[in-house]
N, C-alpha and C. Protein backbone atom coordinates (compact mmCIF):
# COMPACT_ATOMS: atom_id res chain seq x y z
N MET A 1 -4.03 5.97 0.65
CA MET A 1 -2.48 7.13 -0.05
C MET A 1 -3.34 7.81 -1.15
N SER A 2 -2.89 9.25 -0.97
CA SER A 2 -3.28 9.84 -2.19
C SER A 2 -2.37 10.15 -3.44
N ARG A 3 -2.95 10.14 -4.40
CA ARG A 3 -2.07 10.17 -5.59
C ARG A 3 -0.95 11.19 -5.85
N ASP A 4 -0.04 11.02 -6.01
CA ASP A 4 1.43 11.86 -6.17
C ASP A 4 1.39 12.75 -7.42
N ALA A 5 1.10 14.05 -7.04
CA ALA A 5 0.59 15.04 -8.31
C ALA A 5 1.49 15.04 -9.37
N GLY A 6 3.15 15.02 -9.31
CA GLY A 6 4.07 14.76 -9.95
C GLY A 6 4.28 13.39 -10.59
N LEU A 7 3.61 12.42 -10.26
CA LEU A 7 3.89 10.84 -10.64
C LEU A 7 3.66 10.76 -12.12
N ASP A 8 2.44 11.51 -12.54
CA ASP A 8 2.16 11.21 -13.95
C ASP A 8 3.43 12.06 -15.18
N ASN A 9 3.77 13.15 -14.37
CA ASN A 9 4.73 13.73 -14.99
C ASN A 9 6.24 12.97 -15.38
N LEU A 10 6.39 12.26 -14.37
CA LEU A 10 7.41 11.51 -14.01
C LEU A 10 7.60 10.05 -14.91
N LEU A 11 6.25 9.61 -14.97
CA LEU A 11 5.88 8.78 -15.69
C LEU A 11 6.15 8.82 -16.88
N GLU A 12 6.04 10.13 -17.51
CA GLU A 12 5.73 10.32 -19.05
C GLU A 12 7.05 10.78 -19.21
N LEU A 13 8.42 10.60 -18.48
CA LEU A 13 9.57 10.82 -18.93
C LEU A 13 9.73 9.42 -19.15
N ASN A 14 9.70 8.26 -18.95
CA ASN A 14 10.52 7.29 -18.90
C ASN A 14 10.85 6.71 -20.02
N GLY A 15 11.92 6.18 -19.73
CA GLY A 15 12.96 6.19 -21.26
C GLY A 15 13.31 7.71 -21.49
N THR A 16 13.30 8.71 -21.17
CA THR A 16 14.15 9.46 -21.61
C THR A 16 15.67 9.54 -21.70
N GLU A 17 16.28 9.48 -22.27
CA GLU A 17 17.54 10.16 -22.65
C GLU A 17 17.75 11.74 -22.89
N TYR A 18 18.75 12.26 -22.03
CA TYR A 18 19.26 13.75 -22.80
C TYR A 18 20.40 13.76 -22.64
N HIS A 19 21.13 14.28 -23.77
CA HIS A 19 22.61 14.52 -24.39
C HIS A 19 22.81 16.11 -23.88
N GLU A 20 23.83 16.09 -23.39
CA GLU A 20 24.23 17.65 -23.01
C GLU A 20 25.35 18.14 -23.82
N GLU A 21 25.41 18.88 -24.16
CA GLU A 21 26.83 19.48 -25.09
C GLU A 21 28.04 18.89 -24.58
N ASN A 22 28.40 19.07 -23.55
CA ASN A 22 29.97 18.23 -22.79
C ASN A 22 29.74 16.96 -22.90
N GLY A 23 28.93 16.09 -23.81
CA GLY A 23 29.24 14.68 -23.61
C GLY A 23 28.31 14.20 -22.22
N TYR A 24 27.79 14.99 -21.47
CA TYR A 24 27.27 14.00 -20.40
C TYR A 24 26.05 14.16 -20.77
N TRP A 25 25.60 13.07 -20.28
CA TRP A 25 24.07 12.47 -20.72
C TRP A 25 22.92 12.02 -19.60
N TYR A 26 22.14 12.08 -19.61
CA TYR A 26 21.28 11.30 -17.96
C TYR A 26 19.79 10.75 -18.93
N LYS A 27 19.42 10.00 -18.36
CA LYS A 27 18.32 8.58 -18.35
C LYS A 27 17.38 8.37 -17.15
N ILE A 28 16.49 8.81 -17.75
CA ILE A 28 15.09 8.31 -16.87
C ILE A 28 14.51 7.33 -17.11
N GLU A 29 14.20 6.17 -15.85
CA GLU A 29 13.70 5.33 -16.20
C GLU A 29 12.61 5.12 -14.97
N VAL A 30 11.20 4.78 -15.22
CA VAL A 30 10.55 4.56 -13.98
C VAL A 30 8.86 3.94 -14.16
N SER A 31 8.15 3.23 -13.78
CA SER A 31 7.66 2.26 -13.65
C SER A 31 6.82 2.51 -12.31
N LEU A 32 5.60 2.06 -12.34
CA LEU A 32 4.59 1.68 -11.23
C LEU A 32 4.50 -0.27 -10.92
N VAL A 33 4.76 0.04 -9.34
CA VAL A 33 4.73 -1.60 -9.68
C VAL A 33 4.17 -1.53 -7.91
N GLU A 34 3.48 -2.79 -7.47
CA GLU A 34 2.80 -2.87 -6.30
C GLU A 34 3.58 -2.67 -5.16
N PRO A 35 2.64 -1.24 -4.34
CA PRO A 35 3.66 -1.10 -3.01
C PRO A 35 3.70 -2.97 -2.31
N SER A 36 5.37 -2.36 -1.36
CA SER A 36 5.84 -3.40 -0.61
C SER A 36 6.78 -2.66 0.19
N ALA A 37 7.16 -3.19 0.86
CA ALA A 37 8.28 -3.37 2.14
C ALA A 37 9.18 -2.09 1.84
N GLY A 38 9.82 -2.46 0.44
CA GLY A 38 10.88 -1.82 0.26
C GLY A 38 10.59 -0.84 -0.66
N ILE A 39 9.85 -1.09 -1.54
CA ILE A 39 9.17 0.41 -2.50
C ILE A 39 7.56 0.61 -1.78
N PRO A 40 7.50 1.26 -0.84
CA PRO A 40 5.70 1.50 -0.16
C PRO A 40 5.28 2.31 -1.15
N HIS A 41 6.12 3.36 -1.76
CA HIS A 41 5.01 4.32 -2.63
C HIS A 41 4.65 3.83 -3.83
N GLY A 42 5.07 2.47 -4.35
CA GLY A 42 5.17 1.38 -5.58
C GLY A 42 5.52 2.61 -6.71
N ILE A 43 6.96 3.23 -6.88
CA ILE A 43 6.99 3.64 -7.92
C ILE A 43 8.47 2.77 -7.77
N ARG A 44 9.21 2.24 -8.57
CA ARG A 44 10.10 1.66 -8.84
C ARG A 44 10.86 2.88 -10.09
N TYR A 45 12.23 3.44 -10.15
CA TYR A 45 13.19 4.30 -10.09
C TYR A 45 14.51 4.23 -10.71
N ASN A 46 15.09 4.74 -11.77
CA ASN A 46 16.55 4.78 -11.93
C ASN A 46 16.60 6.13 -12.89
N LEU A 47 17.28 7.15 -11.89
CA LEU A 47 17.67 8.15 -12.54
C LEU A 47 18.87 8.85 -12.96
N THR A 48 19.49 8.70 -13.68
CA THR A 48 21.15 8.39 -13.98
C THR A 48 21.83 9.64 -14.51
N LEU A 49 22.91 9.92 -14.31
CA LEU A 49 23.71 11.10 -15.54
C LEU A 49 24.79 10.00 -15.03
N HIS A 50 25.51 10.06 -16.41
CA HIS A 50 26.78 9.69 -17.04
C HIS A 50 27.58 10.48 -17.65
N ASP A 51 28.85 10.31 -17.77
CA ASP A 51 30.14 11.17 -18.49
C ASP A 51 30.23 10.77 -19.78
N SER A 52 30.81 11.48 -20.70
CA SER A 52 31.21 11.61 -21.43
C SER A 52 31.89 10.15 -22.04
N LYS A 53 32.31 9.25 -20.85
CA LYS A 53 32.59 7.96 -21.44
C LYS A 53 31.70 7.11 -20.87
N ASN A 54 30.61 7.15 -20.86
CA ASN A 54 29.31 6.40 -20.35
C ASN A 54 29.40 5.55 -18.52
N ARG A 55 30.09 6.37 -18.29
CA ARG A 55 30.27 5.83 -16.75
C ARG A 55 29.10 6.71 -15.61
N ARG A 56 28.65 5.73 -14.79
CA ARG A 56 27.44 6.19 -14.21
C ARG A 56 28.36 7.37 -13.33
N VAL A 57 27.69 8.74 -13.23
CA VAL A 57 29.08 9.26 -12.26
C VAL A 57 27.57 10.08 -10.82
N PHE A 58 26.61 9.67 -10.96
CA PHE A 58 25.67 10.22 -10.18
C PHE A 58 23.66 9.10 -10.33
N GLY A 59 23.10 9.44 -9.10
CA GLY A 59 22.09 8.58 -9.74
C GLY A 59 21.15 8.36 -8.02
N PHE A 60 20.02 8.31 -8.74
CA PHE A 60 19.27 8.13 -7.70
C PHE A 60 18.26 7.20 -8.60
N ASP A 61 17.95 5.47 -7.29
CA ASP A 61 17.31 4.39 -7.60
C ASP A 61 17.14 4.20 -6.30
N ASN A 62 16.09 3.09 -6.78
CA ASN A 62 15.28 1.88 -5.62
C ASN A 62 15.48 0.56 -5.68
N ALA A 63 16.71 0.36 -6.79
CA ALA A 63 16.31 -1.06 -7.28
C ALA A 63 17.24 -2.20 -6.02
N HIS A 64 17.40 -1.97 -5.15
CA HIS A 64 18.38 -2.28 -3.99
C HIS A 64 18.60 -1.57 -2.95
N ALA A 65 18.35 -2.71 -1.84
CA ALA A 65 18.76 -1.69 -0.56
C ALA A 65 20.16 -1.29 -0.72
N PRO A 66 20.20 0.13 0.08
CA PRO A 66 21.12 0.62 0.36
C PRO A 66 22.22 0.27 1.45
N LYS A 67 23.68 0.09 1.05
CA LYS A 67 24.88 -0.72 1.86
C LYS A 67 24.88 0.16 3.61
N VAL A 68 24.28 -0.70 4.55
CA VAL A 68 24.76 0.82 5.25
C VAL A 68 26.19 0.08 6.18
N LYS A 69 26.85 1.23 6.64
CA LYS A 69 28.17 1.26 7.03
C LYS A 69 27.69 0.78 8.33
N LYS A 70 28.84 0.22 9.19
CA LYS A 70 28.46 0.25 10.92
C LYS A 70 29.44 1.47 11.29
N ALA A 71 28.99 1.84 12.35
CA ALA A 71 29.40 2.61 12.63
C ALA A 71 30.55 2.41 13.45
N LYS A 72 31.54 3.31 13.62
CA LYS A 72 32.31 2.54 14.85
C LYS A 72 32.48 2.87 15.78
N GLY A 73 32.99 1.16 16.63
CA GLY A 73 32.74 1.22 18.20
C GLY A 73 31.58 0.29 18.21
N GLN A 74 30.43 0.37 16.98
CA GLN A 74 29.41 -0.31 17.36
C GLN A 74 29.96 -2.19 17.34
N GLY A 75 28.99 -2.54 17.46
CA GLY A 75 29.00 -4.53 17.21
C GLY A 75 28.59 -4.67 16.17
N LYS A 76 29.24 -5.86 16.38
CA LYS A 76 29.70 -7.10 14.75
C LYS A 76 28.47 -6.78 13.74
N TYR A 77 27.28 -6.25 13.97
CA TYR A 77 25.66 -6.06 13.34
C TYR A 77 25.42 -5.03 13.16
N LYS A 78 24.85 -4.53 12.21
CA LYS A 78 23.97 -3.23 12.02
C LYS A 78 22.45 -3.59 11.43
N GLY A 79 21.63 -2.89 11.94
CA GLY A 79 20.38 -2.88 11.23
C GLY A 79 20.24 -3.10 9.75
N ARG A 80 19.24 -3.45 9.21
CA ARG A 80 19.04 -2.89 7.97
C ARG A 80 17.96 -1.97 7.15
N ILE A 81 18.31 -1.11 6.42
CA ILE A 81 17.43 -0.47 6.37
C ILE A 81 16.66 -1.27 5.08
N VAL A 82 14.91 -0.75 5.40
CA VAL A 82 14.30 -1.40 4.54
C VAL A 82 13.92 -0.85 3.50
N GLU A 83 13.62 0.57 3.50
CA GLU A 83 13.35 0.93 2.18
C GLU A 83 14.33 1.48 1.06
N TYR A 84 14.29 0.94 0.21
CA TYR A 84 15.10 0.93 -1.09
C TYR A 84 15.52 2.18 -1.81
N ASP A 85 14.84 3.34 -2.01
CA ASP A 85 15.50 4.25 -1.95
C ASP A 85 16.68 5.29 -1.89
N HIS A 86 17.59 5.59 -2.82
CA HIS A 86 18.99 5.82 -2.16
C HIS A 86 19.68 6.62 -3.77
N VAL A 87 20.79 7.21 -3.32
CA VAL A 87 21.44 7.52 -4.01
C VAL A 87 22.78 7.79 -4.25
N HIS A 88 23.53 7.69 -5.31
CA HIS A 88 24.68 7.13 -5.75
C HIS A 88 25.18 8.69 -5.72
N LYS A 89 26.28 8.95 -5.12
CA LYS A 89 26.99 10.47 -5.31
C LYS A 89 28.12 10.46 -6.03
N SER A 90 28.51 9.11 -6.15
CA SER A 90 29.46 9.22 -7.22
C SER A 90 29.71 7.86 -7.69
N GLU A 91 30.59 7.77 -8.98
CA GLU A 91 30.82 6.40 -9.42
C GLU A 91 30.99 5.27 -9.02
N SER A 92 31.86 5.22 -7.60
CA SER A 92 32.01 3.93 -6.38
C SER A 92 31.27 4.25 -5.27
N ASP A 93 30.52 5.36 -5.06
CA ASP A 93 29.06 5.14 -3.81
C ASP A 93 28.29 4.30 -3.89
N PRO A 94 28.49 3.04 -3.09
CA PRO A 94 27.41 1.80 -2.91
C PRO A 94 26.10 2.59 -3.20
N GLY A 95 25.92 3.75 -2.32
CA GLY A 95 24.53 3.93 -2.06
C GLY A 95 24.27 4.85 -0.69
N THR A 96 23.59 5.83 -0.33
CA THR A 96 23.22 6.48 0.62
C THR A 96 21.84 6.29 0.52
N PRO A 97 21.26 6.67 1.52
CA PRO A 97 19.63 6.28 2.04
C PRO A 97 19.12 7.97 1.27
N TYR A 98 18.27 7.96 0.63
CA TYR A 98 17.19 8.74 0.36
C TYR A 98 16.00 8.80 0.31
N LYS A 99 15.73 10.20 1.44
CA LYS A 99 14.02 10.08 1.91
C LYS A 99 13.23 10.82 0.69
N PHE A 100 12.78 9.40 0.05
CA PHE A 100 11.21 9.68 -0.91
C PHE A 100 9.87 10.69 -0.17
N LYS A 101 10.03 11.62 -0.62
CA LYS A 101 8.87 12.74 -0.16
C LYS A 101 7.90 12.01 -1.59
N ASP A 102 8.19 12.50 -2.69
CA ASP A 102 7.20 12.07 -3.69
C ASP A 102 7.93 12.45 -4.98
N ALA A 103 7.00 12.01 -6.08
CA ALA A 103 7.46 11.90 -7.85
C ALA A 103 8.26 13.43 -7.96
N GLN A 104 7.49 14.38 -7.59
CA GLN A 104 8.12 16.28 -8.13
C GLN A 104 9.52 15.79 -7.54
N THR A 105 9.29 16.09 -5.70
CA THR A 105 10.24 15.98 -5.38
C THR A 105 12.00 15.68 -5.97
N LEU A 106 11.00 14.07 -6.39
CA LEU A 106 12.49 13.39 -6.91
C LEU A 106 13.15 13.56 -8.18
N MET A 107 12.22 14.10 -8.89
CA MET A 107 12.72 14.64 -10.27
C MET A 107 13.28 15.82 -10.03
N SER A 108 12.86 16.64 -9.33
CA SER A 108 13.82 18.26 -8.41
C SER A 108 14.83 17.64 -7.97
N ASP A 109 15.01 17.30 -7.47
CA ASP A 109 16.64 16.91 -6.40
C ASP A 109 16.99 16.19 -7.50
N PHE A 110 16.91 15.49 -8.87
CA PHE A 110 18.00 14.64 -9.50
C PHE A 110 18.46 15.87 -10.66
N LEU A 111 17.36 16.84 -11.06
CA LEU A 111 17.45 17.60 -12.21
C LEU A 111 18.68 18.87 -11.10
N ASP A 112 18.34 19.38 -10.39
CA ASP A 112 19.11 20.37 -9.92
C ASP A 112 20.71 19.39 -9.38
N GLU A 113 20.75 18.45 -8.90
CA GLU A 113 22.08 17.91 -9.00
C GLU A 113 22.59 17.51 -10.39
N VAL A 114 21.77 17.26 -11.21
CA VAL A 114 22.66 17.51 -12.51
C VAL A 114 23.07 18.58 -13.01
N THR A 115 22.28 19.34 -12.80
CA THR A 115 22.38 21.15 -13.16
C THR A 115 23.90 21.38 -12.66
N LYS A 116 24.39 20.90 -11.14
CA LYS A 116 25.21 21.38 -10.58
C LYS A 116 26.69 20.20 -11.12
N ARG A 117 26.34 19.36 -11.78
CA ARG A 117 27.59 18.37 -12.40
C ARG A 117 27.62 19.06 -13.75
N VAL A 118 26.75 19.43 -14.39
CA VAL A 118 27.07 19.30 -15.90
C VAL A 118 27.63 20.86 -16.02
N THR A 119 27.32 21.94 -15.16
CA THR A 119 27.27 23.22 -16.28
C THR A 119 28.50 23.63 -15.19
């Protein structure tokens, strides 16, 4: 696997917290880990947007596998998603699978969503 061109930029942002004038703020946590079945790209991340009451209102992470909802009419069991990459679209969203492409796209997707929600 070739080196992700945006990875160094993302890693440099580890620990960054940025506070908007309207009280919203976001935090970026990212580190390299040994690639595994759940994290094949070897990047553990948690990119979160919080409101003025410090509640997470949106975020991308791969700390756990997203919960898969069973489609209506299916049997009792649903196959489990192996990859952990997912997005929390709201405060109560347990996670929706996210197709990780590369570090630059992850950061762009996150900042695009922050811009939509904060402005």
